[in-house]
mmCIF file of all heavy atoms, coordinates in Angstrom:
data_MODEL
# 
_entry.id   MODEL 
# 
loop_
_atom_site.group_PDB 
_atom_site.id 
_atom_site.type_symbol 
_atom_site.label_atom_id 
_atom_site.label_alt_id 
_atom_site.label_comp_id 
_atom_site.label_asym_id 
_atom_site.label_entity_id 
_atom_site.label_seq_id 
_atom_site.pdbx_PDB_ins_code 
_atom_site.Cartn_x 
_atom_site.Cartn_y 
_atom_site.Cartn_z 
_atom_site.occupancy 
_atom_site.B_iso_or_equiv 
_atom_site.pdbx_formal_charge 
_atom_site.auth_seq_id 
_atom_site.auth_comp_id 
_atom_site.auth_asym_id 
_atom_site.auth_atom_id 
_atom_site.pdbx_PDB_model_num 
ATOM 1   N N   . ALA A 1 1  ? 109.923 158.744 273.580 1.00 0.00 ? 1  ALA A N   1 
ATOM 2   C CA  . ALA A 1 1  ? 110.465 159.891 272.836 1.00 0.00 ? 1  ALA A CA  1 
ATOM 3   C C   . ALA A 1 1  ? 111.959 159.722 272.580 1.00 0.00 ? 1  ALA A C   1 
ATOM 4   O O   . ALA A 1 1  ? 112.449 160.025 271.489 1.00 0.00 ? 1  ALA A O   1 
ATOM 5   C CB  . ALA A 1 1  ? 110.206 161.187 273.608 1.00 0.00 ? 1  ALA A CB  1 
ATOM 6   N N   . ALA A 1 2  ? 112.679 159.229 273.587 1.00 0.00 ? 2  ALA A N   1 
ATOM 7   C CA  . ALA A 1 2  ? 114.120 159.007 273.416 1.00 0.00 ? 2  ALA A CA  1 
ATOM 8   C C   . ALA A 1 2  ? 114.378 157.953 272.342 1.00 0.00 ? 2  ALA A C   1 
ATOM 9   O O   . ALA A 1 2  ? 115.266 158.096 271.488 1.00 0.00 ? 2  ALA A O   1 
ATOM 10  C CB  . ALA A 1 2  ? 114.737 158.592 274.747 1.00 0.00 ? 2  ALA A CB  1 
ATOM 11  N N   . ALA A 1 3  ? 113.566 156.883 272.362 1.00 0.00 ? 3  ALA A N   1 
ATOM 12  C CA  . ALA A 1 3  ? 113.721 155.839 271.347 1.00 0.00 ? 3  ALA A CA  1 
ATOM 13  C C   . ALA A 1 3  ? 113.395 156.385 269.960 1.00 0.00 ? 3  ALA A C   1 
ATOM 14  O O   . ALA A 1 3  ? 114.070 156.061 268.972 1.00 0.00 ? 3  ALA A O   1 
ATOM 15  C CB  . ALA A 1 3  ? 112.819 154.658 271.683 1.00 0.00 ? 3  ALA A CB  1 
ATOM 16  N N   . ALA A 1 4  ? 112.363 157.228 269.869 1.00 0.00 ? 4  ALA A N   1 
ATOM 17  C CA  . ALA A 1 4  ? 111.989 157.809 268.572 1.00 0.00 ? 4  ALA A CA  1 
ATOM 18  C C   . ALA A 1 4  ? 113.104 158.679 268.022 1.00 0.00 ? 4  ALA A C   1 
ATOM 19  O O   . ALA A 1 4  ? 113.367 158.679 266.807 1.00 0.00 ? 4  ALA A O   1 
ATOM 20  C CB  . ALA A 1 4  ? 110.709 158.626 268.723 1.00 0.00 ? 4  ALA A CB  1 
ATOM 21  N N   . ARG A 1 5  ? 113.788 159.425 268.892 1.00 0.00 ? 5  ARG A N   1 
ATOM 22  C CA  . ARG A 1 5  ? 114.907 160.249 268.427 1.00 0.00 ? 5  ARG A CA  1 
ATOM 23  C C   . ARG A 1 5  ? 116.023 159.384 267.871 1.00 0.00 ? 5  ARG A C   1 
ATOM 24  O O   . ARG A 1 5  ? 116.620 159.701 266.842 1.00 0.00 ? 5  ARG A O   1 
ATOM 25  C CB  . ARG A 1 5  ? 115.424 161.128 269.573 1.00 0.00 ? 5  ARG A CB  1 
ATOM 26  C CG  . ARG A 1 5  ? 114.579 162.348 269.857 1.00 0.00 ? 5  ARG A CG  1 
ATOM 27  C CD  . ARG A 1 5  ? 115.331 163.343 270.727 1.00 0.00 ? 5  ARG A CD  1 
ATOM 28  N NE  . ARG A 1 5  ? 115.685 162.770 272.032 1.00 0.00 ? 5  ARG A NE  1 
ATOM 29  C CZ  . ARG A 1 5  ? 114.893 162.830 273.096 1.00 0.00 ? 5  ARG A CZ  1 
ATOM 30  N NH1 . ARG A 1 5  ? 113.706 163.414 273.014 1.00 0.00 ? 5  ARG A NH1 1 
ATOM 31  N NH2 . ARG A 1 5  ? 115.278 162.314 274.247 1.00 0.00 ? 5  ARG A NH2 1 
ATOM 32  N N   . ARG A 1 6  ? 116.301 158.278 268.569 1.00 0.00 ? 6  ARG A N   1 
ATOM 33  C CA  . ARG A 1 6  ? 117.371 157.394 268.091 1.00 0.00 ? 6  ARG A CA  1 
ATOM 34  C C   . ARG A 1 6  ? 117.010 156.772 266.744 1.00 0.00 ? 6  ARG A C   1 
ATOM 35  O O   . ARG A 1 6  ? 117.839 156.675 265.844 1.00 0.00 ? 6  ARG A O   1 
ATOM 36  C CB  . ARG A 1 6  ? 117.644 156.303 269.128 1.00 0.00 ? 6  ARG A CB  1 
ATOM 37  C CG  . ARG A 1 6  ? 118.329 156.815 270.395 1.00 0.00 ? 6  ARG A CG  1 
ATOM 38  C CD  . ARG A 1 6  ? 118.890 155.673 271.214 1.00 0.00 ? 6  ARG A CD  1 
ATOM 39  N NE  . ARG A 1 6  ? 117.819 154.789 271.699 1.00 0.00 ? 6  ARG A NE  1 
ATOM 40  C CZ  . ARG A 1 6  ? 117.192 154.952 272.853 1.00 0.00 ? 6  ARG A CZ  1 
ATOM 41  N NH1 . ARG A 1 6  ? 117.510 155.977 273.639 1.00 0.00 ? 6  ARG A NH1 1 
ATOM 42  N NH2 . ARG A 1 6  ? 116.259 154.107 273.229 1.00 0.00 ? 6  ARG A NH2 1 
ATOM 43  N N   . TRP A 1 7  ? 115.751 156.343 266.619 1.00 0.00 ? 7  TRP A N   1 
ATOM 44  C CA  . TRP A 1 7  ? 115.338 155.742 265.356 1.00 0.00 ? 7  TRP A CA  1 
ATOM 45  C C   . TRP A 1 7  ? 115.305 156.781 264.238 1.00 0.00 ? 7  TRP A C   1 
ATOM 46  O O   . TRP A 1 7  ? 115.643 156.482 263.085 1.00 0.00 ? 7  TRP A O   1 
ATOM 47  C CB  . TRP A 1 7  ? 113.961 155.102 265.510 1.00 0.00 ? 7  TRP A CB  1 
ATOM 48  C CG  . TRP A 1 7  ? 114.019 153.745 266.144 1.00 0.00 ? 7  TRP A CG  1 
ATOM 49  C CD1 . TRP A 1 7  ? 113.544 153.386 267.371 1.00 0.00 ? 7  TRP A CD1 1 
ATOM 50  C CD2 . TRP A 1 7  ? 114.620 152.577 265.596 1.00 0.00 ? 7  TRP A CD2 1 
ATOM 51  N NE1 . TRP A 1 7  ? 113.797 152.061 267.626 1.00 0.00 ? 7  TRP A NE1 1 
ATOM 52  C CE2 . TRP A 1 7  ? 114.460 151.533 266.543 1.00 0.00 ? 7  TRP A CE2 1 
ATOM 53  C CE3 . TRP A 1 7  ? 115.275 152.296 264.403 1.00 0.00 ? 7  TRP A CE3 1 
ATOM 54  C CZ2 . TRP A 1 7  ? 114.932 150.246 266.325 1.00 0.00 ? 7  TRP A CZ2 1 
ATOM 55  C CZ3 . TRP A 1 7  ? 115.755 151.015 264.182 1.00 0.00 ? 7  TRP A CZ3 1 
ATOM 56  C CH2 . TRP A 1 7  ? 115.577 150.007 265.131 1.00 0.00 ? 7  TRP A CH2 1 
ATOM 57  N N   . ALA A 1 8  ? 114.908 158.007 264.546 1.00 0.00 ? 8  ALA A N   1 
ATOM 58  C CA  . ALA A 1 8  ? 114.870 159.052 263.515 1.00 0.00 ? 8  ALA A CA  1 
ATOM 59  C C   . ALA A 1 8  ? 116.264 159.318 262.959 1.00 0.00 ? 8  ALA A C   1 
ATOM 60  O O   . ALA A 1 8  ? 116.424 159.579 261.757 1.00 0.00 ? 8  ALA A O   1 
ATOM 61  C CB  . ALA A 1 8  ? 114.283 160.331 264.090 1.00 0.00 ? 8  ALA A CB  1 
ATOM 62  N N   . GLU A 1 9  ? 117.272 159.253 263.820 1.00 0.00 ? 9  GLU A N   1 
ATOM 63  C CA  . GLU A 1 9  ? 118.643 159.480 263.358 1.00 0.00 ? 9  GLU A CA  1 
ATOM 64  C C   . GLU A 1 9  ? 119.091 158.416 262.373 1.00 0.00 ? 9  GLU A C   1 
ATOM 65  O O   . GLU A 1 9  ? 119.965 158.649 261.533 1.00 0.00 ? 9  GLU A O   1 
ATOM 66  C CB  . GLU A 1 9  ? 119.583 159.509 264.560 1.00 0.00 ? 9  GLU A CB  1 
ATOM 67  C CG  . GLU A 1 9  ? 119.380 160.725 265.462 1.00 0.00 ? 9  GLU A CG  1 
ATOM 68  C CD  . GLU A 1 9  ? 120.202 160.634 266.728 1.00 0.00 ? 9  GLU A CD  1 
ATOM 69  O OE1 . GLU A 1 9  ? 120.889 159.596 266.922 1.00 0.00 ? 9  GLU A OE1 1 
ATOM 70  O OE2 . GLU A 1 9  ? 120.164 161.585 267.524 1.00 0.00 ? 9  GLU A OE2 1 
ATOM 71  N N   . ARG A 1 10 ? 118.499 157.211 262.446 1.00 0.00 ? 10 ARG A N   1 
ATOM 72  C CA  . ARG A 1 10 ? 118.863 156.126 261.533 1.00 0.00 ? 10 ARG A CA  1 
ATOM 73  C C   . ARG A 1 10 ? 117.930 156.065 260.321 1.00 0.00 ? 10 ARG A C   1 
ATOM 74  O O   . ARG A 1 10 ? 118.370 155.743 259.218 1.00 0.00 ? 10 ARG A O   1 
ATOM 75  C CB  . ARG A 1 10 ? 118.830 154.788 262.282 1.00 0.00 ? 10 ARG A CB  1 
ATOM 76  C CG  . ARG A 1 10 ? 119.736 154.748 263.504 1.00 0.00 ? 10 ARG A CG  1 
ATOM 77  C CD  . ARG A 1 10 ? 119.603 153.433 264.253 1.00 0.00 ? 10 ARG A CD  1 
ATOM 78  N NE  . ARG A 1 10 ? 120.051 152.312 263.445 1.00 0.00 ? 10 ARG A NE  1 
ATOM 79  C CZ  . ARG A 1 10 ? 119.995 151.035 263.841 1.00 0.00 ? 10 ARG A CZ  1 
ATOM 80  N NH1 . ARG A 1 10 ? 119.500 150.745 265.034 1.00 0.00 ? 10 ARG A NH1 1 
ATOM 81  N NH2 . ARG A 1 10 ? 120.413 150.063 263.060 1.00 0.00 ? 10 ARG A NH2 1 
ATOM 82  N N   . ILE A 1 11 ? 116.652 156.350 260.543 1.00 0.00 ? 11 ILE A N   1 
ATOM 83  C CA  . ILE A 1 11 ? 115.683 156.204 259.465 1.00 0.00 ? 11 ILE A CA  1 
ATOM 84  C C   . ILE A 1 11 ? 115.724 157.381 258.493 1.00 0.00 ? 11 ILE A C   1 
ATOM 85  O O   . ILE A 1 11 ? 115.578 157.205 257.278 1.00 0.00 ? 11 ILE A O   1 
ATOM 86  C CB  . ILE A 1 11 ? 114.263 156.034 260.048 1.00 0.00 ? 11 ILE A CB  1 
ATOM 87  C CG1 . ILE A 1 11 ? 114.145 154.651 260.712 1.00 0.00 ? 11 ILE A CG1 1 
ATOM 88  C CG2 . ILE A 1 11 ? 113.197 156.197 258.982 1.00 0.00 ? 11 ILE A CG2 1 
ATOM 89  C CD1 . ILE A 1 11 ? 112.810 154.416 261.387 1.00 0.00 ? 11 ILE A CD1 1 
ATOM 90  N N   . ALA A 1 12 ? 115.926 158.600 259.005 1.00 0.00 ? 12 ALA A N   1 
ATOM 91  C CA  . ALA A 1 12 ? 115.907 159.781 258.130 1.00 0.00 ? 12 ALA A CA  1 
ATOM 92  C C   . ALA A 1 12 ? 116.927 159.682 256.994 1.00 0.00 ? 12 ALA A C   1 
ATOM 93  O O   . ALA A 1 12 ? 116.575 159.925 255.825 1.00 0.00 ? 12 ALA A O   1 
ATOM 94  C CB  . ALA A 1 12 ? 116.115 161.045 258.948 1.00 0.00 ? 12 ALA A CB  1 
ATOM 95  N N   . PRO A 1 13 ? 118.198 159.325 257.257 1.00 0.00 ? 13 PRO A N   1 
ATOM 96  C CA  . PRO A 1 13 ? 119.147 159.191 256.131 1.00 0.00 ? 13 PRO A CA  1 
ATOM 97  C C   . PRO A 1 13 ? 118.740 158.100 255.150 1.00 0.00 ? 13 PRO A C   1 
ATOM 98  O O   . PRO A 1 13 ? 118.913 158.257 253.937 1.00 0.00 ? 13 PRO A O   1 
ATOM 99  C CB  . PRO A 1 13 ? 120.471 158.862 256.825 1.00 0.00 ? 13 PRO A CB  1 
ATOM 100 C CG  . PRO A 1 13 ? 120.315 159.320 258.226 1.00 0.00 ? 13 PRO A CG  1 
ATOM 101 C CD  . PRO A 1 13 ? 118.881 159.121 258.559 1.00 0.00 ? 13 PRO A CD  1 
ATOM 102 N N   . ALA A 1 14 ? 118.185 156.987 255.682 1.00 0.00 ? 14 ALA A N   1 
ATOM 103 C CA  . ALA A 1 14 ? 117.767 155.905 254.792 1.00 0.00 ? 14 ALA A CA  1 
ATOM 104 C C   . ALA A 1 14 ? 116.607 156.350 253.908 1.00 0.00 ? 14 ALA A C   1 
ATOM 105 O O   . ALA A 1 14 ? 116.553 156.029 252.709 1.00 0.00 ? 14 ALA A O   1 
ATOM 106 C CB  . ALA A 1 14 ? 117.366 154.675 255.616 1.00 0.00 ? 14 ALA A CB  1 
ATOM 107 N N   . ARG A 1 15 ? 115.668 157.106 254.475 1.00 0.00 ? 15 ARG A N   1 
ATOM 108 C CA  . ARG A 1 15 ? 114.538 157.588 253.674 1.00 0.00 ? 15 ARG A CA  1 
ATOM 109 C C   . ARG A 1 15 ? 115.009 158.603 252.634 1.00 0.00 ? 15 ARG A C   1 
ATOM 110 O O   . ARG A 1 15 ? 114.526 158.603 251.498 1.00 0.00 ? 15 ARG A O   1 
ATOM 111 C CB  . ARG A 1 15 ? 113.493 158.207 254.602 1.00 0.00 ? 15 ARG A CB  1 
ATOM 112 C CG  . ARG A 1 15 ? 112.231 158.647 253.882 1.00 0.00 ? 15 ARG A CG  1 
ATOM 113 C CD  . ARG A 1 15 ? 111.166 159.114 254.845 1.00 0.00 ? 15 ARG A CD  1 
ATOM 114 N NE  . ARG A 1 15 ? 110.562 157.996 255.572 1.00 0.00 ? 15 ARG A NE  1 
ATOM 115 C CZ  . ARG A 1 15 ? 110.578 157.853 256.888 1.00 0.00 ? 15 ARG A CZ  1 
ATOM 116 N NH1 . ARG A 1 15 ? 111.149 158.774 257.643 1.00 0.00 ? 15 ARG A NH1 1 
ATOM 117 N NH2 . ARG A 1 15 ? 110.001 156.822 257.464 1.00 0.00 ? 15 ARG A NH2 1 
ATOM 118 N N   . ALA A 1 16 ? 115.945 159.478 253.008 1.00 0.00 ? 16 ALA A N   1 
ATOM 119 C CA  . ALA A 1 16 ? 116.479 160.455 252.059 1.00 0.00 ? 16 ALA A CA  1 
ATOM 120 C C   . ALA A 1 16 ? 117.224 159.767 250.919 1.00 0.00 ? 16 ALA A C   1 
ATOM 121 O O   . ALA A 1 16 ? 117.127 160.183 249.752 1.00 0.00 ? 16 ALA A O   1 
ATOM 122 C CB  . ALA A 1 16 ? 117.401 161.435 252.778 1.00 0.00 ? 16 ALA A CB  1 
ATOM 123 N N   . ASP A 1 17 ? 117.968 158.697 251.258 1.00 0.00 ? 17 ASP A N   1 
ATOM 124 C CA  . ASP A 1 17 ? 118.692 157.955 250.223 1.00 0.00 ? 17 ASP A CA  1 
ATOM 125 C C   . ASP A 1 17 ? 117.727 157.325 249.235 1.00 0.00 ? 17 ASP A C   1 
ATOM 126 O O   . ASP A 1 17 ? 117.933 157.388 248.013 1.00 0.00 ? 17 ASP A O   1 
ATOM 127 C CB  . ASP A 1 17 ? 119.560 156.882 250.888 1.00 0.00 ? 17 ASP A CB  1 
ATOM 128 C CG  . ASP A 1 17 ? 120.335 156.066 249.869 1.00 0.00 ? 17 ASP A CG  1 
ATOM 129 O OD1 . ASP A 1 17 ? 121.010 156.670 249.014 1.00 0.00 ? 17 ASP A OD1 1 
ATOM 130 O OD2 . ASP A 1 17 ? 120.264 154.816 249.919 1.00 0.00 ? 17 ASP A OD2 1 
ATOM 131 N N   . LEU A 1 18 ? 116.646 156.729 249.743 1.00 0.00 ? 18 LEU A N   1 
ATOM 132 C CA  . LEU A 1 18 ? 115.655 156.117 248.854 1.00 0.00 ? 18 LEU A CA  1 
ATOM 133 C C   . LEU A 1 18 ? 114.989 157.178 247.980 1.00 0.00 ? 18 LEU A C   1 
ATOM 134 O O   . LEU A 1 18 ? 114.792 156.974 246.775 1.00 0.00 ? 18 LEU A O   1 
ATOM 135 C CB  . LEU A 1 18 ? 114.604 155.375 249.682 1.00 0.00 ? 18 LEU A CB  1 
ATOM 136 C CG  . LEU A 1 18 ? 113.442 154.768 248.885 1.00 0.00 ? 18 LEU A CG  1 
ATOM 137 C CD1 . LEU A 1 18 ? 113.960 153.739 247.886 1.00 0.00 ? 18 LEU A CD1 1 
ATOM 138 C CD2 . LEU A 1 18 ? 112.421 154.139 249.823 1.00 0.00 ? 18 LEU A CD2 1 
ATOM 139 N N   . ALA A 1 19 ? 114.637 158.337 248.572 1.00 0.00 ? 19 ALA A N   1 
ATOM 140 C CA  . ALA A 1 19 ? 113.995 159.402 247.797 1.00 0.00 ? 19 ALA A CA  1 
ATOM 141 C C   . ALA A 1 19 ? 114.916 159.884 246.679 1.00 0.00 ? 19 ALA A C   1 
ATOM 142 O O   . ALA A 1 19 ? 114.468 160.129 245.545 1.00 0.00 ? 19 ALA A O   1 
ATOM 143 C CB  . ALA A 1 19 ? 113.619 160.562 248.715 1.00 0.00 ? 19 ALA A CB  1 
ATOM 144 N N   . ALA A 1 20 ? 116.196 160.027 246.977 1.00 0.00 ? 20 ALA A N   1 
ATOM 145 C CA  . ALA A 1 20 ? 117.142 160.494 245.962 1.00 0.00 ? 20 ALA A CA  1 
ATOM 146 C C   . ALA A 1 20 ? 117.269 159.474 244.826 1.00 0.00 ? 20 ALA A C   1 
ATOM 147 O O   . ALA A 1 20 ? 117.321 159.848 243.646 1.00 0.00 ? 20 ALA A O   1 
ATOM 148 C CB  . ALA A 1 20 ? 118.507 160.741 246.595 1.00 0.00 ? 20 ALA A CB  1 
ATOM 149 N N   . ARG A 1 21 ? 117.300 158.177 245.180 1.00 0.00 ? 21 ARG A N   1 
ATOM 150 C CA  . ARG A 1 21 ? 117.430 157.147 244.140 1.00 0.00 ? 21 ARG A CA  1 
ATOM 151 C C   . ARG A 1 21 ? 116.170 157.063 243.278 1.00 0.00 ? 21 ARG A C   1 
ATOM 152 O O   . ARG A 1 21 ? 116.252 156.871 242.061 1.00 0.00 ? 21 ARG A O   1 
ATOM 153 C CB  . ARG A 1 21 ? 117.742 155.799 244.784 1.00 0.00 ? 21 ARG A CB  1 
ATOM 154 C CG  . ARG A 1 21 ? 119.125 155.753 245.432 1.00 0.00 ? 21 ARG A CG  1 
ATOM 155 C CD  . ARG A 1 21 ? 119.451 154.381 245.984 1.00 0.00 ? 21 ARG A CD  1 
ATOM 156 N NE  . ARG A 1 21 ? 120.746 154.380 246.671 1.00 0.00 ? 21 ARG A NE  1 
ATOM 157 C CZ  . ARG A 1 21 ? 121.924 154.269 246.050 1.00 0.00 ? 21 ARG A CZ  1 
ATOM 158 N NH1 . ARG A 1 21 ? 121.956 154.148 244.722 1.00 0.00 ? 21 ARG A NH1 1 
ATOM 159 N NH2 . ARG A 1 21 ? 123.048 154.273 246.732 1.00 0.00 ? 21 ARG A NH2 1 
ATOM 160 N N   . VAL A 1 22 ? 115.000 157.236 243.893 1.00 0.00 ? 22 VAL A N   1 
ATOM 161 C CA  . VAL A 1 22 ? 113.756 157.229 243.117 1.00 0.00 ? 22 VAL A CA  1 
ATOM 162 C C   . VAL A 1 22 ? 113.714 158.436 242.180 1.00 0.00 ? 22 VAL A C   1 
ATOM 163 O O   . VAL A 1 22 ? 113.304 158.331 241.020 1.00 0.00 ? 22 VAL A O   1 
ATOM 164 C CB  . VAL A 1 22 ? 112.535 157.218 244.058 1.00 0.00 ? 22 VAL A CB  1 
ATOM 165 C CG1 . VAL A 1 22 ? 111.251 157.462 243.273 1.00 0.00 ? 22 VAL A CG1 1 
ATOM 166 C CG2 . VAL A 1 22 ? 112.447 155.896 244.798 1.00 0.00 ? 22 VAL A CG2 1 
ATOM 167 N N   . ALA A 1 23 ? 114.145 159.594 242.682 1.00 0.00 ? 23 ALA A N   1 
ATOM 168 C CA  . ALA A 1 23 ? 114.180 160.788 241.828 1.00 0.00 ? 23 ALA A CA  1 
ATOM 169 C C   . ALA A 1 23 ? 115.134 160.587 240.653 1.00 0.00 ? 23 ALA A C   1 
ATOM 170 O O   . ALA A 1 23 ? 114.838 161.002 239.523 1.00 0.00 ? 23 ALA A O   1 
ATOM 171 C CB  . ALA A 1 23 ? 114.608 162.004 242.652 1.00 0.00 ? 23 ALA A CB  1 
ATOM 172 N N   . ASP A 1 24 ? 116.273 159.934 240.903 1.00 0.00 ? 24 ASP A N   1 
ATOM 173 C CA  . ASP A 1 24 ? 117.204 159.657 239.809 1.00 0.00 ? 24 ASP A CA  1 
ATOM 174 C C   . ASP A 1 24 ? 116.567 158.752 238.761 1.00 0.00 ? 24 ASP A C   1 
ATOM 175 O O   . ASP A 1 24 ? 116.762 158.931 237.554 1.00 0.00 ? 24 ASP A O   1 
ATOM 176 C CB  . ASP A 1 24 ? 118.475 158.998 240.351 1.00 0.00 ? 24 ASP A CB  1 
ATOM 177 C CG  . ASP A 1 24 ? 119.348 159.983 241.108 1.00 0.00 ? 24 ASP A CG  1 
ATOM 178 O OD1 . ASP A 1 24 ? 119.152 161.196 240.926 1.00 0.00 ? 24 ASP A OD1 1 
ATOM 179 O OD2 . ASP A 1 24 ? 120.219 159.542 241.890 1.00 0.00 ? 24 ASP A OD2 1 
ATOM 180 N N   . LEU A 1 25 ? 115.799 157.759 239.232 1.00 0.00 ? 25 LEU A N   1 
ATOM 181 C CA  . LEU A 1 25 ? 115.131 156.861 238.294 1.00 0.00 ? 25 LEU A CA  1 
ATOM 182 C C   . LEU A 1 25 ? 114.100 157.600 237.452 1.00 0.00 ? 25 LEU A C   1 
ATOM 183 O O   . LEU A 1 25 ? 113.993 157.386 236.240 1.00 0.00 ? 25 LEU A O   1 
ATOM 184 C CB  . LEU A 1 25 ? 114.444 155.728 239.063 1.00 0.00 ? 25 LEU A CB  1 
ATOM 185 C CG  . LEU A 1 25 ? 115.338 154.600 239.579 1.00 0.00 ? 25 LEU A CG  1 
ATOM 186 C CD1 . LEU A 1 25 ? 114.521 153.638 240.430 1.00 0.00 ? 25 LEU A CD1 1 
ATOM 187 C CD2 . LEU A 1 25 ? 115.972 153.843 238.416 1.00 0.00 ? 25 LEU A CD2 1 
ATOM 188 N N   . VAL A 1 26 ? 113.335 158.477 238.100 1.00 0.00 ? 26 VAL A N   1 
ATOM 189 C CA  . VAL A 1 26 ? 112.259 159.175 237.381 1.00 0.00 ? 26 VAL A CA  1 
ATOM 190 C C   . VAL A 1 26 ? 112.822 160.198 236.406 1.00 0.00 ? 26 VAL A C   1 
ATOM 191 O O   . VAL A 1 26 ? 112.445 160.239 235.228 1.00 0.00 ? 26 VAL A O   1 
ATOM 192 C CB  . VAL A 1 26 ? 111.310 159.851 238.393 1.00 0.00 ? 26 VAL A CB  1 
ATOM 193 C CG1 . VAL A 1 26 ? 110.287 160.720 237.660 1.00 0.00 ? 26 VAL A CG1 1 
ATOM 194 C CG2 . VAL A 1 26 ? 110.595 158.797 239.239 1.00 0.00 ? 26 VAL A CG2 1 
ATOM 195 N N   . HIS A 1 27 ? 113.733 161.046 236.891 1.00 0.00 ? 27 HIS A N   1 
ATOM 196 C CA  . HIS A 1 27 ? 114.224 162.148 236.061 1.00 0.00 ? 27 HIS A CA  1 
ATOM 197 C C   . HIS A 1 27 ? 115.391 161.747 235.156 1.00 0.00 ? 27 HIS A C   1 
ATOM 198 O O   . HIS A 1 27 ? 115.658 162.437 234.171 1.00 0.00 ? 27 HIS A O   1 
ATOM 199 C CB  . HIS A 1 27 ? 114.652 163.322 236.947 1.00 0.00 ? 27 HIS A CB  1 
ATOM 200 C CG  . HIS A 1 27 ? 113.523 163.927 237.716 1.00 0.00 ? 27 HIS A CG  1 
ATOM 201 N ND1 . HIS A 1 27 ? 112.541 164.676 237.122 1.00 0.00 ? 27 HIS A ND1 1 
ATOM 202 C CD2 . HIS A 1 27 ? 113.200 163.872 239.037 1.00 0.00 ? 27 HIS A CD2 1 
ATOM 203 C CE1 . HIS A 1 27 ? 111.659 165.065 238.024 1.00 0.00 ? 27 HIS A CE1 1 
ATOM 204 N NE2 . HIS A 1 27 ? 112.035 164.590 239.195 1.00 0.00 ? 27 HIS A NE2 1 
ATOM 205 N N   . GLY A 1 28 ? 116.076 160.670 235.504 1.00 0.00 ? 28 GLY A N   1 
ATOM 206 C CA  . GLY A 1 28 ? 117.229 160.270 234.693 1.00 0.00 ? 28 GLY A CA  1 
ATOM 207 C C   . GLY A 1 28 ? 117.021 158.990 233.935 1.00 0.00 ? 28 GLY A C   1 
ATOM 208 O O   . GLY A 1 28 ? 117.989 158.345 233.520 1.00 0.00 ? 28 GLY A O   1 
# 
């Protein structure tokens, strides 16, 4: 669980960045 929390802190921003860039590609 401790390891998952640490990884979530790193993966969540990366996933949000990818989602935002994909949305820019689709809508823009």
